[in-house]
Amino acid sequence: MALKRTLLLMTTLILLTTSIALLGCGGTNGGGTTEGGTTGGSTTGNAPTYDLNEPVSFGGATFTFTGVEELNSIPVAFEDGEVYEPDNGSYLVVYFDFQGKAGNEVMGVDNAIFRLKDGQGNEYAMDTDLANYEMSALALDKDLANSSMLMWSNAELKHTLLVFDVDSGSSGYTLNLIESTPQGIETAATVDLGV
């Protein structure tokens, strides 16, 4: 067990260090993404709305959101019987396919571009703990790519996921892809998750 835990910790630290190095110190990368810990709300404006399995062009890449699953726990990687449990009530897992383009800037896709919104108006963002623990463990368990390691310049199709810690009993979820503009943080696309 100690060896597995050490390997998981080392892998997480390497992924975190690589992500930080790729993301830089914040700002906009020019590819339609907001970097750093964006905490302000997003505005919908005239953003186009998409359904599941409908390709979304954003930041020079294509995102296709393929499914949603609600979980009460997520298995801890390399630890038999141990699980992560949500702080707010449940985990909402959003599955998607990502395909960048070879001509894009060589930068990582920041999870801050994703904002989940429920029918009651509550917004949820990915945070470092969710990305490093629950999301990484679930991606490993399901043999999917870790969305923290996606690159705008990678033209290879990647199957991956996001994990949000949401309030129990919420519904009417949409996923917004946000970007930084001269007018502030704006929603560039909205995906109706159908739940």
C-alpha atoms as a PDB file:
ATOM      1  CA  MET A   1       0.000   0.000   0.000  1.00  0.00           C
ATOM      2  CA  ALA A   2       2.777   2.448   0.864  1.00  0.00           C
ATOM      3  CA  LEU A   3       4.394   1.979  -2.553  1.00  0.00           C
ATOM      4  CA  LYS A   4       1.077   2.571  -4.342  1.00  0.00           C
ATOM      5  CA  ARG A   5       0.404   5.683  -2.278  1.00  0.00           C
ATOM      6  CA  THR A   6       3.921   6.999  -2.985  1.00  0.00           C
ATOM      7  CA  LEU A   7       3.473   6.368  -6.725  1.00  0.00           C
ATOM      8  CA  LEU A   8       0.100   8.163  -6.722  1.00  0.00           C
ATOM      9  CA  LEU A   9       1.578  11.115  -4.825  1.00  0.00           C
ATOM     10  CA  MET A  10       4.570  11.324  -7.181  1.00  0.00           C
ATOM     11  CA  THR A  11       2.318  11.134 -10.250  1.00  0.00           C
ATOM     12  CA  THR A  12       0.037  13.853  -8.860  1.00  0.00           C
ATOM     13  CA  LEU A  13       3.002  16.113  -8.071  1.00  0.00           C
ATOM     14  CA  ILE A  14       4.468  15.628 -11.552  1.00  0.00           C
ATOM     15  CA  LEU A  15       1.099  16.379 -13.178  1.00  0.00           C
ATOM     16  CA  LEU A  16       0.601  19.454 -10.995  1.00  0.00           C
ATOM     17  CA  THR A  17       4.100  20.764 -11.680  1.00  0.00           C
ATOM     18  CA  THR A  18       3.699  20.211 -15.420  1.00  0.00           C
ATOM     19  CA  SER A  19       0.293  21.914 -15.426  1.00  0.00           C
ATOM     20  CA  ILE A  20       1.624  24.933 -13.557  1.00  0.00           C
ATOM     21  CA  ALA A  21       4.581  25.215 -15.899  1.00  0.00           C
ATOM     22  CA  LEU A  22       2.320  25.021 -18.958  1.00  0.00           C
ATOM     23  CA  LEU A  23      -0.301  27.412 -17.650  1.00  0.00           C
ATOM     24  CA  GLY A  24       2.033  30.202 -16.585  1.00  0.00           C
ATOM     25  CA  CYS A  25       0.963  32.937 -14.245  1.00  0.00           C
ATOM     26  CA  GLY A  26      -2.550  33.716 -15.487  1.00  0.00           C
ATOM     27  CA  GLY A  27      -4.105  35.925 -18.131  1.00  0.00           C
ATOM     28  CA  THR A  28      -5.453  34.941 -21.500  1.00  0.00           C
ATOM     29  CA  ASN A  29      -3.504  32.658 -23.823  1.00  0.00           C
ATOM     30  CA  GLY A  30      -5.093  33.986 -26.972  1.00  0.00           C
ATOM     31  CA  GLY A  31      -6.822  30.673 -27.645  1.00  0.00           C
ATOM     32  CA  GLY A  32     -10.097  31.662 -26.030  1.00  0.00           C
ATOM     33  CA  THR A  33      -9.256  30.352 -22.576  1.00  0.00           C
ATOM     34  CA  THR A  34      -9.019  31.984 -19.213  1.00  0.00           C
ATOM     35  CA  GLU A  35      -6.063  30.921 -17.122  1.00  0.00           C
ATOM     36  CA  GLY A  36      -5.553  31.063 -13.404  1.00  0.00           C
ATOM     37  CA  GLY A  37      -8.189  30.882 -10.697  1.00  0.00           C
ATOM     38  CA  THR A  38     -11.051  32.829 -12.197  1.00  0.00           C
ATOM     39  CA  THR A  39     -13.594  33.366  -9.441  1.00  0.00           C
ATOM     40  CA  GLY A  40     -15.994  35.915 -10.939  1.00  0.00           C
ATOM     41  CA  GLY A  41     -19.329  34.876 -12.378  1.00  0.00           C
ATOM     42  CA  SER A  42     -19.847  34.349 -16.063  1.00  0.00           C
ATOM     43  CA  THR A  43     -22.445  36.040 -18.198  1.00  0.00           C
ATOM     44  CA  THR A  44     -24.443  34.124 -20.753  1.00  0.00           C
ATOM     45  CA  GLY A  45     -25.173  36.932 -23.209  1.00  0.00           C
ATOM     46  CA  ASN A  46     -25.785  35.596 -26.709  1.00  0.00           C
ATOM     47  CA  ALA A  47     -23.727  32.423 -26.332  1.00  0.00           C
ATOM     48  CA  PRO A  48     -24.885  29.574 -28.573  1.00  0.00           C
ATOM     49  CA  THR A  49     -26.428  26.563 -26.794  1.00  0.00           C
ATOM     50  CA  TYR A  50     -25.509  22.982 -27.667  1.00  0.00           C
ATOM     51  CA  ASP A  51     -26.898  19.570 -26.719  1.00  0.00           C
ATOM     52  CA  LEU A  52     -24.970  16.460 -25.702  1.00  0.00           C
ATOM     53  CA  ASN A  53     -23.045  14.836 -28.576  1.00  0.00           C
ATOM     54  CA  GLU A  54     -23.039  18.100 -30.529  1.00  0.00           C
ATOM     55  CA  PRO A  55     -19.516  19.395 -31.341  1.00  0.00           C
ATOM     56  CA  VAL A  56     -18.594  22.729 -29.755  1.00  0.00           C
ATOM     57  CA  SER A  57     -15.832  24.816 -31.361  1.00  0.00           C
ATOM     58  CA  PHE A  58     -13.983  26.780 -28.704  1.00  0.00           C
ATOM     59  CA  GLY A  59     -10.465  28.170 -28.480  1.00  0.00           C
ATOM     60  CA  GLY A  60      -9.392  26.543 -31.740  1.00  0.00           C
ATOM     61  CA  ALA A  61     -10.395  23.077 -30.516  1.00  0.00           C
ATOM     62  CA  THR A  62     -13.476  20.864 -30.609  1.00  0.00           C
ATOM     63  CA  PHE A  63     -15.266  19.710 -27.463  1.00  0.00           C
ATOM     64  CA  THR A  64     -18.039  17.118 -27.684  1.00  0.00           C
ATOM     65  CA  PHE A  65     -19.821  16.526 -24.382  1.00  0.00           C
ATOM     66  CA  THR A  66     -21.061  12.954 -24.448  1.00  0.00           C
ATOM     67  CA  GLY A  67     -22.691  12.139 -21.115  1.00  0.00           C
ATOM     68  CA  VAL A  68     -23.354  12.948 -17.480  1.00  0.00           C
ATOM     69  CA  GLU A  69     -23.310  10.757 -14.390  1.00  0.00           C
ATOM     70  CA  GLU A  70     -24.098  11.550 -10.763  1.00  0.00           C
ATOM     71  CA  LEU A  71     -22.000   9.708  -8.153  1.00  0.00           C
ATOM     72  CA  ASN A  72     -22.108   9.570  -4.359  1.00  0.00           C
ATOM     73  CA  SER A  73     -18.427   8.609  -4.128  1.00  0.00           C
ATOM     74  CA  ILE A  74     -15.319   8.071  -6.234  1.00  0.00           C
ATOM     75  CA  PRO A  75     -12.821   5.242  -5.568  1.00  0.00           C
ATOM     76  CA  VAL A  76      -9.402   6.382  -4.335  1.00  0.00           C
ATOM     77  CA  ALA A  77      -6.743   5.230  -6.803  1.00  0.00           C
ATOM     78  CA  PHE A  78      -4.567   2.345  -5.562  1.00  0.00           C
ATOM     79  CA  GLU A  79      -6.486   2.122  -2.254  1.00  0.00           C
ATOM     80  CA  ASP A  80      -8.906  -0.822  -2.114  1.00  0.00           C
ATOM     81  CA  GLY A  81     -12.181   0.095  -0.472  1.00  0.00           C
ATOM     82  CA  GLU A  82     -11.335   3.775   0.135  1.00  0.00           C
ATOM     83  CA  VAL A  83     -13.461   6.447  -1.521  1.00  0.00           C
ATOM     84  CA  TYR A  84     -13.694  10.203  -1.887  1.00  0.00           C
ATOM     85  CA  GLU A  85     -16.997  11.691  -0.766  1.00  0.00           C
ATOM     86  CA  PRO A  86     -18.402  15.054  -1.908  1.00  0.00           C
ATOM     87  CA  ASP A  87     -18.582  18.049   0.431  1.00  0.00           C
ATOM     88  CA  ASN A  88     -21.803  19.425  -1.082  1.00  0.00           C
ATOM     89  CA  GLY A  89     -23.879  16.306  -1.656  1.00  0.00           C
ATOM     90  CA  SER A  90     -22.877  14.499  -4.849  1.00  0.00           C
ATOM     91  CA  TYR A  91     -20.423  14.479  -7.718  1.00  0.00           C
ATOM     92  CA  LEU A  92     -21.618  15.403 -11.189  1.00  0.00           C
ATOM     93  CA  VAL A  93     -19.308  13.826 -13.759  1.00  0.00           C
ATOM     94  CA  VAL A  94     -19.340  15.295 -17.269  1.00  0.00           C
ATOM     95  CA  TYR A  95     -17.766  13.129 -19.993  1.00  0.00           C
ATOM     96  CA  PHE A  96     -16.392  14.710 -23.143  1.00  0.00           C
ATOM     97  CA  ASP A  97     -14.145  14.249 -26.157  1.00  0.00           C
ATOM     98  CA  PHE A  98     -11.478  16.833 -26.930  1.00  0.00           C
ATOM     99  CA  GLN A  99      -9.513  17.454 -30.093  1.00  0.00           C
ATOM    100  CA  GLY A 100      -7.084  20.338 -30.473  1.00  0.00           C
ATOM    101  CA  LYS A 101      -5.295  21.448 -33.628  1.00  0.00           C
ATOM    102  CA  ALA A 102      -1.603  21.141 -34.432  1.00  0.00           C
ATOM    103  CA  GLY A 103      -1.400  24.854 -35.325  1.00  0.00           C
ATOM    104  CA  ASN A 104      -2.672  26.016 -31.914  1.00  0.00           C
ATOM    105  CA  GLU A 105      -0.407  27.497 -29.286  1.00  0.00           C
ATOM    106  CA  VAL A 106       1.363  24.840 -27.214  1.00  0.00           C
ATOM    107  CA  MET A 107      -0.464  25.365 -23.913  1.00  0.00           C
ATOM    108  CA  GLY A 108      -2.540  23.316 -21.525  1.00  0.00           C
ATOM    109  CA  VAL A 109      -6.321  23.574 -21.392  1.00  0.00           C
ATOM    110  CA  ASP A 110      -7.161  25.228 -18.068  1.00  0.00           C
ATOM    111  CA  ASN A 111     -10.095  23.652 -16.197  1.00  0.00           C
ATOM    112  CA  ALA A 112     -11.124  27.211 -15.215  1.00  0.00           C
ATOM    113  CA  ILE A 113     -12.847  27.527 -18.616  1.00  0.00           C
ATOM    114  CA  PHE A 114     -15.610  25.169 -17.415  1.00  0.00           C
ATOM    115  CA  ARG A 115     -18.460  26.512 -15.274  1.00  0.00           C
ATOM    116  CA  LEU A 116     -21.324  24.254 -14.292  1.00  0.00           C
ATOM    117  CA  LYS A 117     -24.639  25.956 -13.518  1.00  0.00           C
ATOM    118  CA  ASP A 118     -27.742  24.372 -12.033  1.00  0.00           C
ATOM    119  CA  GLY A 119     -31.391  25.326 -12.556  1.00  0.00           C
ATOM    120  CA  GLN A 120     -31.388  27.279  -9.275  1.00  0.00           C
ATOM    121  CA  GLY A 121     -28.602  29.571 -10.540  1.00  0.00           C
ATOM    122  CA  ASN A 122     -25.756  28.066  -8.482  1.00  0.00           C
ATOM    123  CA  GLU A 123     -22.394  27.946 -10.266  1.00  0.00           C
ATOM    124  CA  TYR A 124     -19.689  25.349  -9.708  1.00  0.00           C
ATOM    125  CA  ALA A 125     -16.082  25.537 -10.867  1.00  0.00           C
ATOM    126  CA  MET A 126     -13.352  22.923 -10.946  1.00  0.00           C
ATOM    127  CA  ASP A 127     -10.851  23.433  -8.154  1.00  0.00           C
ATOM    128  CA  THR A 128      -7.336  22.091  -7.633  1.00  0.00           C
ATOM    129  CA  ASP A 129      -8.400  19.443  -5.112  1.00  0.00           C
ATOM    130  CA  LEU A 130     -11.104  18.021  -7.398  1.00  0.00           C
ATOM    131  CA  ALA A 131      -8.682  17.989 -10.341  1.00  0.00           C
ATOM    132  CA  ASN A 132      -5.816  16.387  -8.420  1.00  0.00           C
ATOM    133  CA  TYR A 133      -7.780  13.796  -6.491  1.00  0.00           C
ATOM    134  CA  GLU A 134     -11.323  12.872  -7.558  1.00  0.00           C
ATOM    135  CA  MET A 135     -10.999  13.689 -11.256  1.00  0.00           C
ATOM    136  CA  SER A 136      -7.577  12.073 -11.614  1.00  0.00           C
ATOM    137  CA  ALA A 137      -8.666   8.947  -9.732  1.00  0.00           C
ATOM    138  CA  LEU A 138     -11.881   8.564 -11.752  1.00  0.00           C
ATOM    139  CA  ALA A 139     -10.091   9.128 -15.071  1.00  0.00           C
ATOM    140  CA  LEU A 140      -7.555   6.454 -14.108  1.00  0.00           C
ATOM    141  CA  ASP A 141     -10.329   4.078 -12.983  1.00  0.00           C
ATOM    142  CA  LYS A 142     -12.226   4.526 -16.273  1.00  0.00           C
ATOM    143  CA  ASP A 143      -9.055   4.495 -18.428  1.00  0.00           C
ATOM    144  CA  LEU A 144      -9.678   8.036 -19.711  1.00  0.00           C
ATOM    145  CA  ALA A 145      -7.301  10.937 -20.293  1.00  0.00           C
ATOM    146  CA  ASN A 146      -6.831  13.392 -17.436  1.00  0.00           C
ATOM    147  CA  SER A 147      -8.436  16.665 -18.568  1.00  0.00           C
ATOM    148  CA  SER A 148      -5.765  18.611 -16.640  1.00  0.00           C
ATOM    149  CA  MET A 149      -3.243  17.338 -19.194  1.00  0.00           C
ATOM    150  CA  LEU A 150      -5.090  18.347 -22.395  1.00  0.00           C
ATOM    151  CA  MET A 151      -3.125  20.535 -24.816  1.00  0.00           C
ATOM    152  CA  TRP A 152      -4.685  23.009 -27.277  1.00  0.00           C
ATOM    153  CA  SER A 153      -2.124  21.882 -29.873  1.00  0.00           C
ATOM    154  CA  ASN A 154      -2.822  18.138 -29.550  1.00  0.00           C
ATOM    155  CA  ALA A 155      -4.765  16.965 -32.604  1.00  0.00           C
ATOM    156  CA  GLU A 156      -5.230  13.441 -31.193  1.00  0.00           C
ATOM    157  CA  LEU A 157      -8.795  12.752 -30.003  1.00  0.00           C
ATOM    158  CA  LYS A 158      -8.917  12.411 -26.205  1.00  0.00           C
ATOM    159  CA  HIS A 159     -11.768  10.938 -24.168  1.00  0.00           C
ATOM    160  CA  THR A 160     -11.904  12.555 -20.737  1.00  0.00           C
ATOM    161  CA  LEU A 161     -14.105  13.896 -17.939  1.00  0.00           C
ATOM    162  CA  LEU A 162     -14.744  16.683 -15.439  1.00  0.00           C
ATOM    163  CA  VAL A 163     -15.898  16.272 -11.835  1.00  0.00           C
ATOM    164  CA  PHE A 164     -17.982  18.873  -9.999  1.00  0.00           C
ATOM    165  CA  ASP A 165     -19.051  18.748  -6.335  1.00  0.00           C
ATOM    166  CA  VAL A 166     -22.712  19.832  -6.483  1.00  0.00           C
ATOM    167  CA  ASP A 167     -25.617  20.380  -4.095  1.00  0.00           C
ATOM    168  CA  SER A 168     -27.882  17.375  -3.519  1.00  0.00           C
ATOM    169  CA  GLY A 169     -31.169  17.475  -5.380  1.00  0.00           C
ATOM    170  CA  SER A 170     -30.045  20.033  -7.950  1.00  0.00           C
ATOM    171  CA  SER A 171     -31.116  19.692 -11.577  1.00  0.00           C
ATOM    172  CA  GLY A 172     -31.300  21.676 -14.807  1.00  0.00           C
ATOM    173  CA  TYR A 173     -27.540  21.593 -15.351  1.00  0.00           C
ATOM    174  CA  THR A 174     -25.776  23.491 -18.106  1.00  0.00           C
ATOM    175  CA  LEU A 175     -22.038  23.658 -18.700  1.00  0.00           C
ATOM    176  CA  ASN A 176     -20.636  27.014 -19.776  1.00  0.00           C
ATOM    177  CA  LEU A 177     -17.336  27.475 -21.549  1.00  0.00           C
ATOM    178  CA  ILE A 178     -16.058  30.867 -20.464  1.00  0.00           C
ATOM    179  CA  GLU A 179     -13.412  33.204 -21.812  1.00  0.00           C
ATOM    180  CA  SER A 180     -11.775  36.451 -20.832  1.00  0.00           C
ATOM    181  CA  THR A 181     -12.651  39.409 -23.066  1.00  0.00           C
ATOM    182  CA  PRO A 182     -11.986  43.159 -22.783  1.00  0.00           C
ATOM    183  CA  GLN A 183     -15.521  43.417 -21.332  1.00  0.00           C
ATOM    184  CA  GLY A 184     -14.761  40.799 -18.635  1.00  0.00           C
ATOM    185  CA  ILE A 185     -15.520  37.101 -18.257  1.00  0.00           C
ATOM    186  CA  GLU A 186     -18.125  35.976 -20.781  1.00  0.00           C
ATOM    187  CA  THR A 187     -19.767  32.701 -21.751  1.00  0.00           C
ATOM    188  CA  ALA A 188     -18.725  31.629 -25.237  1.00  0.00           C
ATOM    189  CA  ALA A 189     -20.835  28.458 -25.383  1.00  0.00           C
ATOM    190  CA  THR A 190     -23.429  26.707 -23.250  1.00  0.00           C
ATOM    191  CA  VAL A 191     -24.087  22.962 -23.247  1.00  0.00           C
ATOM    192  CA  ASP A 192     -27.448  21.661 -22.018  1.00  0.00           C
ATOM    193  CA  LEU A 193     -26.514  18.517 -20.095  1.00  0.00           C
ATOM    194  CA  GLY A 194     -30.071  17.156 -20.130  1.00  0.00           C
ATOM    195  CA  VAL A 195     -30.265  16.506 -16.363  1.00  0.00           C
END
